[in-house]
Amino acid sequence: MSHLSAVRRLINKLHRDERGAVSLETILIIGAIALPILIFVVRYGWPRVRNYFYKGMTDLEQSSDKVSNGQ
């Protein structure tokens, strides 16, 4: 019986402890702000970023071909 009461006291102590609640609320608020921004960037910004890098790689390849051909 003493083990059961010790476990019950531990559970009650854990239940009354609210230190993690503030951290959890902060994480949820940050997630609620960051998720729509991330969705917007992936949806609308990513194609522009991808095209920018593809253009850069194409320009680099063309420049590299010119250098190797002696132009």
PDB file of N, CA and C in Angstrom:
ATOM      1  N   MET A   1       0.815  -1.190   0.000  1.00  0.00           N
ATOM      2  CA  MET A   1       0.000   0.000   0.000  1.00  0.00           C
ATOM      3  C   MET A   1       0.862   1.258   0.000  1.00  0.00           C
ATOM      4  N   SER A   2       2.030   1.210   0.612  1.00  0.00           N
ATOM      5  CA  SER A   2       2.870   2.404   0.687  1.00  0.00           C
ATOM      6  C   SER A   2       3.398   2.789  -0.701  1.00  0.00           C
ATOM      7  N   HIS A   3       3.621   1.796  -1.552  1.00  0.00           N
ATOM      8  CA  HIS A   3       4.072   2.104  -2.913  1.00  0.00           C
ATOM      9  C   HIS A   3       2.984   2.831  -3.695  1.00  0.00           C
ATOM     10  N   LEU A   4       1.760   2.419  -3.492  1.00  0.00           N
ATOM     11  CA  LEU A   4       0.647   3.047  -4.184  1.00  0.00           C
ATOM     12  C   LEU A   4       0.469   4.504  -3.735  1.00  0.00           C
ATOM     13  N   SER A   5       0.591   4.741  -2.436  1.00  0.00           N
ATOM     14  CA  SER A   5       0.445   6.115  -1.949  1.00  0.00           C
ATOM     15  C   SER A   5       1.623   6.985  -2.390  1.00  0.00           C
ATOM     16  N   ALA A   6       2.817   6.411  -2.481  1.00  0.00           N
ATOM     17  CA  ALA A   6       3.974   7.165  -2.958  1.00  0.00           C
ATOM     18  C   ALA A   6       3.801   7.536  -4.431  1.00  0.00           C
ATOM     19  N   VAL A   7       3.295   6.626  -5.214  1.00  0.00           N
ATOM     20  CA  VAL A   7       3.037   6.907  -6.624  1.00  0.00           C
ATOM     21  C   VAL A   7       1.951   7.964  -6.748  1.00  0.00           C
ATOM     22  N   ARG A   8       0.917   7.851  -5.932  1.00  0.00           N
ATOM     23  CA  ARG A   8      -0.177   8.831  -5.964  1.00  0.00           C
ATOM     24  C   ARG A   8       0.340  10.227  -5.596  1.00  0.00           C
ATOM     25  N   ARG A   9       1.205  10.320  -4.573  1.00  0.00           N
ATOM     26  CA  ARG A   9       1.771  11.625  -4.196  1.00  0.00           C
ATOM     27  C   ARG A   9       2.629  12.185  -5.320  1.00  0.00           C
ATOM     28  N   LEU A  10       3.411  11.327  -5.964  1.00  0.00           N
ATOM     29  CA  LEU A  10       4.256  11.766  -7.067  1.00  0.00           C
ATOM     30  C   LEU A  10       3.412  12.281  -8.237  1.00  0.00           C
ATOM     31  N   ILE A  11       2.349  11.589  -8.564  1.00  0.00           N
ATOM     32  CA  ILE A  11       1.457  12.025  -9.646  1.00  0.00           C
ATOM     33  C   ILE A  11       0.788  13.347  -9.290  1.00  0.00           C
ATOM     34  N   ASN A  12       0.344  13.496  -8.054  1.00  0.00           N
ATOM     35  CA  ASN A  12      -0.271  14.759  -7.636  1.00  0.00           C
ATOM     36  C   ASN A  12       0.733  15.912  -7.690  1.00  0.00           C
ATOM     37  N   LYS A  13       1.964  15.657  -7.263  1.00  0.00           N
ATOM     38  CA  LYS A  13       2.991  16.688  -7.315  1.00  0.00           C
ATOM     39  C   LYS A  13       3.270  17.086  -8.764  1.00  0.00           C
ATOM     40  N   LEU A  14       3.355  16.113  -9.642  1.00  0.00           N
ATOM     41  CA  LEU A  14       3.584  16.367 -11.051  1.00  0.00           C
ATOM     42  C   LEU A  14       2.413  17.133 -11.670  1.00  0.00           C
ATOM     43  N   HIS A  15       1.217  16.817 -11.282  1.00  0.00           N
ATOM     44  CA  HIS A  15       0.020  17.470 -11.803  1.00  0.00           C
ATOM     45  C   HIS A  15      -0.043  18.939 -11.381  1.00  0.00           C
ATOM     46  N   ARG A  16       0.407  19.263 -10.187  1.00  0.00           N
ATOM     47  CA  ARG A  16       0.367  20.647  -9.693  1.00  0.00           C
ATOM     48  C   ARG A  16       1.492  21.505 -10.251  1.00  0.00           C
ATOM     49  N   ASP A  17       2.541  20.886 -10.783  1.00  0.00           N
ATOM     50  CA  ASP A  17       3.693  21.628 -11.301  1.00  0.00           C
ATOM     51  C   ASP A  17       3.324  22.265 -12.644  1.00  0.00           C
ATOM     52  N   GLU A  18       3.406  23.593 -12.726  1.00  0.00           N
ATOM     53  CA  GLU A  18       3.014  24.310 -13.938  1.00  0.00           C
ATOM     54  C   GLU A  18       4.203  24.958 -14.644  1.00  0.00           C
ATOM     55  N   ARG A  19       5.415  24.577 -14.306  1.00  0.00           N
ATOM     56  CA  ARG A  19       6.580  25.210 -14.912  1.00  0.00           C
ATOM     57  C   ARG A  19       6.650  24.970 -16.416  1.00  0.00           C
ATOM     58  N   GLY A  20       6.268  23.830 -16.882  1.00  0.00           N
ATOM     59  CA  GLY A  20       6.339  23.525 -18.309  1.00  0.00           C
ATOM     60  C   GLY A  20       5.219  24.130 -19.122  1.00  0.00           C
ATOM     61  N   ALA A  21       4.150  24.579 -18.451  1.00  0.00           N
ATOM     62  CA  ALA A  21       3.003  25.115 -19.175  1.00  0.00           C
ATOM     63  C   ALA A  21       3.364  26.382 -19.939  1.00  0.00           C
ATOM     64  N   VAL A  22       4.160  27.251 -19.355  1.00  0.00           N
ATOM     65  CA  VAL A  22       4.544  28.494 -20.025  1.00  0.00           C
ATOM     66  C   VAL A  22       5.392  28.183 -21.250  1.00  0.00           C
ATOM     67  N   SER A  23       6.302  27.263 -21.127  1.00  0.00           N
ATOM     68  CA  SER A  23       7.137  26.884 -22.271  1.00  0.00           C
ATOM     69  C   SER A  23       6.287  26.288 -23.384  1.00  0.00           C
ATOM     70  N   LEU A  24       5.358  25.440 -23.038  1.00  0.00           N
ATOM     71  CA  LEU A  24       4.492  24.825 -24.030  1.00  0.00           C
ATOM     72  C   LEU A  24       3.639  25.874 -24.728  1.00  0.00           C
ATOM     73  N   GLU A  25       3.085  26.809 -23.967  1.00  0.00           N
ATOM     74  CA  GLU A  25       2.273  27.874 -24.565  1.00  0.00           C
ATOM     75  C   GLU A  25       3.111  28.724 -25.506  1.00  0.00           C
ATOM     76  N   THR A  26       4.343  29.019 -25.122  1.00  0.00           N
ATOM     77  CA  THR A  26       5.229  29.810 -25.976  1.00  0.00           C
ATOM     78  C   THR A  26       5.525  29.070 -27.273  1.00  0.00           C
ATOM     79  N   ILE A  27       5.791  27.795 -27.192  1.00  0.00           N
ATOM     80  CA  ILE A  27       6.062  26.992 -28.383  1.00  0.00           C
ATOM     81  C   ILE A  27       4.850  26.961 -29.302  1.00  0.00           C
ATOM     82  N   LEU A  28       3.664  26.817 -28.735  1.00  0.00           N
ATOM     83  CA  LEU A  28       2.446  26.791 -29.546  1.00  0.00           C
ATOM     84  C   LEU A  28       2.203  28.130 -30.236  1.00  0.00           C
ATOM     85  N   ILE A  29       2.467  29.237 -29.549  1.00  0.00           N
ATOM     86  CA  ILE A  29       2.288  30.560 -30.146  1.00  0.00           C
ATOM     87  C   ILE A  29       3.289  30.762 -31.284  1.00  0.00           C
ATOM     88  N   ILE A  30       4.541  30.397 -31.053  1.00  0.00           N
ATOM     89  CA  ILE A  30       5.554  30.525 -32.101  1.00  0.00           C
ATOM     90  C   ILE A  30       5.185  29.660 -33.305  1.00  0.00           C
ATOM     91  N   GLY A  31       4.704  28.464 -33.045  1.00  0.00           N
ATOM     92  CA  GLY A  31       4.273  27.587 -34.136  1.00  0.00           C
ATOM     93  C   GLY A  31       3.091  28.151 -34.900  1.00  0.00           C
ATOM     94  N   ALA A  32       2.152  28.774 -34.189  1.00  0.00           N
ATOM     95  CA  ALA A  32       0.982  29.365 -34.844  1.00  0.00           C
ATOM     96  C   ALA A  32       1.375  30.541 -35.722  1.00  0.00           C
ATOM     97  N   ILE A  33       2.446  31.223 -35.373  1.00  0.00           N
ATOM     98  CA  ILE A  33       2.927  32.336 -36.190  1.00  0.00           C
ATOM     99  C   ILE A  33       3.790  31.829 -37.340  1.00  0.00           C
ATOM    100  N   ALA A  34       4.663  30.866 -37.058  1.00  0.00           N
ATOM    101  CA  ALA A  34       5.633  30.408 -38.045  1.00  0.00           C
ATOM    102  C   ALA A  34       5.007  29.530 -39.131  1.00  0.00           C
ATOM    103  N   LEU A  35       4.007  28.747 -38.804  1.00  0.00           N
ATOM    104  CA  LEU A  35       3.430  27.819 -39.775  1.00  0.00           C
ATOM    105  C   LEU A  35       2.825  28.528 -40.983  1.00  0.00           C
ATOM    106  N   PRO A  36       1.998  29.560 -40.814  1.00  0.00           N
ATOM    107  CA  PRO A  36       1.482  30.249 -42.005  1.00  0.00           C
ATOM    108  C   PRO A  36       2.584  30.921 -42.835  1.00  0.00           C
ATOM    109  N   ILE A  37       3.595  31.456 -42.159  1.00  0.00           N
ATOM    110  CA  ILE A  37       4.705  32.068 -42.888  1.00  0.00           C
ATOM    111  C   ILE A  37       5.437  31.007 -43.712  1.00  0.00           C
ATOM    112  N   LEU A  38       5.688  29.861 -43.110  1.00  0.00           N
ATOM    113  CA  LEU A  38       6.366  28.775 -43.809  1.00  0.00           C
ATOM    114  C   LEU A  38       5.545  28.285 -45.000  1.00  0.00           C
ATOM    115  N   ILE A  39       4.246  28.148 -44.818  1.00  0.00           N
ATOM    116  CA  ILE A  39       3.375  27.715 -45.913  1.00  0.00           C
ATOM    117  C   ILE A  39       3.426  28.730 -47.057  1.00  0.00           C
ATOM    118  N   PHE A  40       3.380  30.017 -46.723  1.00  0.00           N
ATOM    119  CA  PHE A  40       3.433  31.059 -47.745  1.00  0.00           C
ATOM    120  C   PHE A  40       4.756  31.017 -48.504  1.00  0.00           C
ATOM    121  N   VAL A  41       5.843  30.886 -47.779  1.00  0.00           N
ATOM    122  CA  VAL A  41       7.162  30.866 -48.423  1.00  0.00           C
ATOM    123  C   VAL A  41       7.297  29.649 -49.331  1.00  0.00           C
ATOM    124  N   VAL A  42       6.858  28.502 -48.865  1.00  0.00           N
ATOM    125  CA  VAL A  42       6.970  27.295 -49.682  1.00  0.00           C
ATOM    126  C   VAL A  42       6.059  27.391 -50.901  1.00  0.00           C
ATOM    127  N   ARG A  43       4.879  27.912 -50.703  1.00  0.00           N
ATOM    128  CA  ARG A  43       3.892  27.972 -51.788  1.00  0.00           C
ATOM    129  C   ARG A  43       4.257  29.002 -52.861  1.00  0.00           C
ATOM    130  N   TYR A  44       4.633  30.197 -52.445  1.00  0.00           N
ATOM    131  CA  TYR A  44       4.838  31.284 -53.396  1.00  0.00           C
ATOM    132  C   TYR A  44       6.305  31.670 -53.584  1.00  0.00           C
ATOM    133  N   GLY A  45       7.089  31.564 -52.567  1.00  0.00           N
ATOM    134  CA  GLY A  45       8.475  31.998 -52.653  1.00  0.00           C
ATOM    135  C   GLY A  45       9.412  30.961 -53.230  1.00  0.00           C
ATOM    136  N   TRP A  46       9.150  29.683 -52.966  1.00  0.00           N
ATOM    137  CA  TRP A  46      10.072  28.640 -53.381  1.00  0.00           C
ATOM    138  C   TRP A  46      10.266  28.587 -54.893  1.00  0.00           C
ATOM    139  N   PRO A  47       9.225  28.701 -55.723  1.00  0.00           N
ATOM    140  CA  PRO A  47       9.472  28.684 -57.173  1.00  0.00           C
ATOM    141  C   PRO A  47      10.401  29.814 -57.624  1.00  0.00           C
ATOM    142  N   ARG A  48      10.281  30.986 -57.012  1.00  0.00           N
ATOM    143  CA  ARG A  48      11.169  32.093 -57.369  1.00  0.00           C
ATOM    144  C   ARG A  48      12.601  31.804 -56.944  1.00  0.00           C
ATOM    145  N   VAL A  49      12.769  31.266 -55.756  1.00  0.00           N
ATOM    146  CA  VAL A  49      14.116  30.931 -55.270  1.00  0.00           C
ATOM    147  C   VAL A  49      14.718  29.837 -56.139  1.00  0.00           C
ATOM    148  N   ARG A  50      13.947  28.834 -56.461  1.00  0.00           N
ATOM    149  CA  ARG A  50      14.424  27.730 -57.301  1.00  0.00           C
ATOM    150  C   ARG A  50      14.839  28.242 -58.679  1.00  0.00           C
ATOM    151  N   ASN A  51      14.013  29.098 -59.291  1.00  0.00           N
ATOM    152  CA  ASN A  51      14.349  29.642 -60.606  1.00  0.00           C
ATOM    153  C   ASN A  51      15.605  30.504 -60.547  1.00  0.00           C
ATOM    154  N   TYR A  52      15.772  31.247 -59.465  1.00  0.00           N
ATOM    155  CA  TYR A  52      16.961  32.077 -59.287  1.00  0.00           C
ATOM    156  C   TYR A  52      18.225  31.213 -59.274  1.00  0.00           C
ATOM    157  N   PHE A  53      18.198  30.113 -58.527  1.00  0.00           N
ATOM    158  CA  PHE A  53      19.358  29.228 -58.456  1.00  0.00           C
ATOM    159  C   PHE A  53      19.575  28.474 -59.764  1.00  0.00           C
ATOM    160  N   TYR A  54      18.493  28.050 -60.432  1.00  0.00           N
ATOM    161  CA  TYR A  54      18.647  27.386 -61.723  1.00  0.00           C
ATOM    162  C   TYR A  54      19.284  28.320 -62.737  1.00  0.00           C
ATOM    163  N   LYS A  55      18.869  29.597 -62.744  1.00  0.00           N
ATOM    164  CA  LYS A  55      19.448  30.579 -63.649  1.00  0.00           C
ATOM    165  C   LYS A  55      20.931  30.770 -63.331  1.00  0.00           C
ATOM    166  N   GLY A  56      21.260  30.842 -62.053  1.00  0.00           N
ATOM    167  CA  GLY A  56      22.656  30.979 -61.650  1.00  0.00           C
ATOM    168  C   GLY A  56      23.487  29.795 -62.091  1.00  0.00           C
ATOM    169  N   MET A  57      22.958  28.594 -61.940  1.00  0.00           N
ATOM    170  CA  MET A  57      23.697  27.395 -62.351  1.00  0.00           C
ATOM    171  C   MET A  57      23.870  27.365 -63.869  1.00  0.00           C
ATOM    172  N   THR A  58      22.838  27.773 -64.603  1.00  0.00           N
ATOM    173  CA  THR A  58      22.942  27.814 -66.056  1.00  0.00           C
ATOM    174  C   THR A  58      24.001  28.819 -66.494  1.00  0.00           C
ATOM    175  N   ASP A  59      23.981  29.999 -65.886  1.00  0.00           N
ATOM    176  CA  ASP A  59      24.999  31.010 -66.204  1.00  0.00           C
ATOM    177  C   ASP A  59      26.404  30.500 -65.885  1.00  0.00           C
ATOM    178  N   LEU A  60      26.547  29.818 -64.765  1.00  0.00           N
ATOM    179  CA  LEU A  60      27.850  29.271 -64.375  1.00  0.00           C
ATOM    180  C   LEU A  60      28.320  28.212 -65.364  1.00  0.00           C
ATOM    181  N   GLU A  61      27.409  27.344 -65.796  1.00  0.00           N
ATOM    182  CA  GLU A  61      27.773  26.326 -66.782  1.00  0.00           C
ATOM    183  C   GLU A  61      28.185  26.953 -68.106  1.00  0.00           C
ATOM    184  N   GLN A  62      27.462  27.986 -68.535  1.00  0.00           N
ATOM    185  CA  GLN A  62      27.802  28.650 -69.785  1.00  0.00           C
ATOM    186  C   GLN A  62      29.168  29.326 -69.681  1.00  0.00           C
ATOM    187  N   SER A  63      29.431  29.969 -68.560  1.00  0.00           N
ATOM    188  CA  SER A  63      30.736  30.606 -68.359  1.00  0.00           C
ATOM    189  C   SER A  63      31.843  29.574 -68.321  1.00  0.00           C
ATOM    190  N   SER A  64      31.568  28.453 -67.688  1.00  0.00           N
ATOM    191  CA  SER A  64      32.554  27.384 -67.611  1.00  0.00           C
ATOM    192  C   SER A  64      32.845  26.811 -68.996  1.00  0.00           C
ATOM    193  N   ASP A  65      31.815  26.655 -69.817  1.00  0.00           N
ATOM    194  CA  ASP A  65      32.006  26.158 -71.181  1.00  0.00           C
ATOM    195  C   ASP A  65      32.838  27.136 -72.008  1.00  0.00           C
ATOM    196  N   LYS A  66      32.603  28.422 -71.827  1.00  0.00           N
ATOM    197  CA  LYS A  66      33.369  29.442 -72.565  1.00  0.00           C
ATOM    198  C   LYS A  66      34.853  29.386 -72.170  1.00  0.00           C
ATOM    199  N   VAL A  67      35.102  29.236 -70.872  1.00  0.00           N
ATOM    200  CA  VAL A  67      36.488  29.178 -70.395  1.00  0.00           C
ATOM    201  C   VAL A  67      37.183  27.926 -70.920  1.00  0.00           C
ATOM    202  N   SER A  68      36.504  26.800 -70.905  1.00  0.00           N
ATOM    203  CA  SER A  68      37.133  25.560 -71.354  1.00  0.00           C
ATOM    204  C   SER A  68      37.325  25.541 -72.854  1.00  0.00           C
ATOM    205  N   ASN A  69      36.511  26.288 -73.600  1.00  0.00           N
ATOM    206  CA  ASN A  69      36.666  26.369 -75.059  1.00  0.00           C
ATOM    207  C   ASN A  69      37.645  27.464 -75.464  1.00  0.00           C
ATOM    208  N   GLY A  70      38.157  28.233 -74.519  1.00  0.00           N
ATOM    209  CA  GLY A  70      39.137  29.251 -74.817  1.00  0.00           C
ATOM    210  C   GLY A  70      38.542  30.545 -75.326  1.00  0.00           C
ATOM    211  N   GLN A  71      37.309  30.809 -75.024  1.00  0.00           N
ATOM    212  CA  GLN A  71      36.668  32.046 -75.503  1.00  0.00           C
ATOM    213  C   GLN A  71      36.786  33.153 -74.516  1.00  0.00           C
TER     214      GLN A  71
END
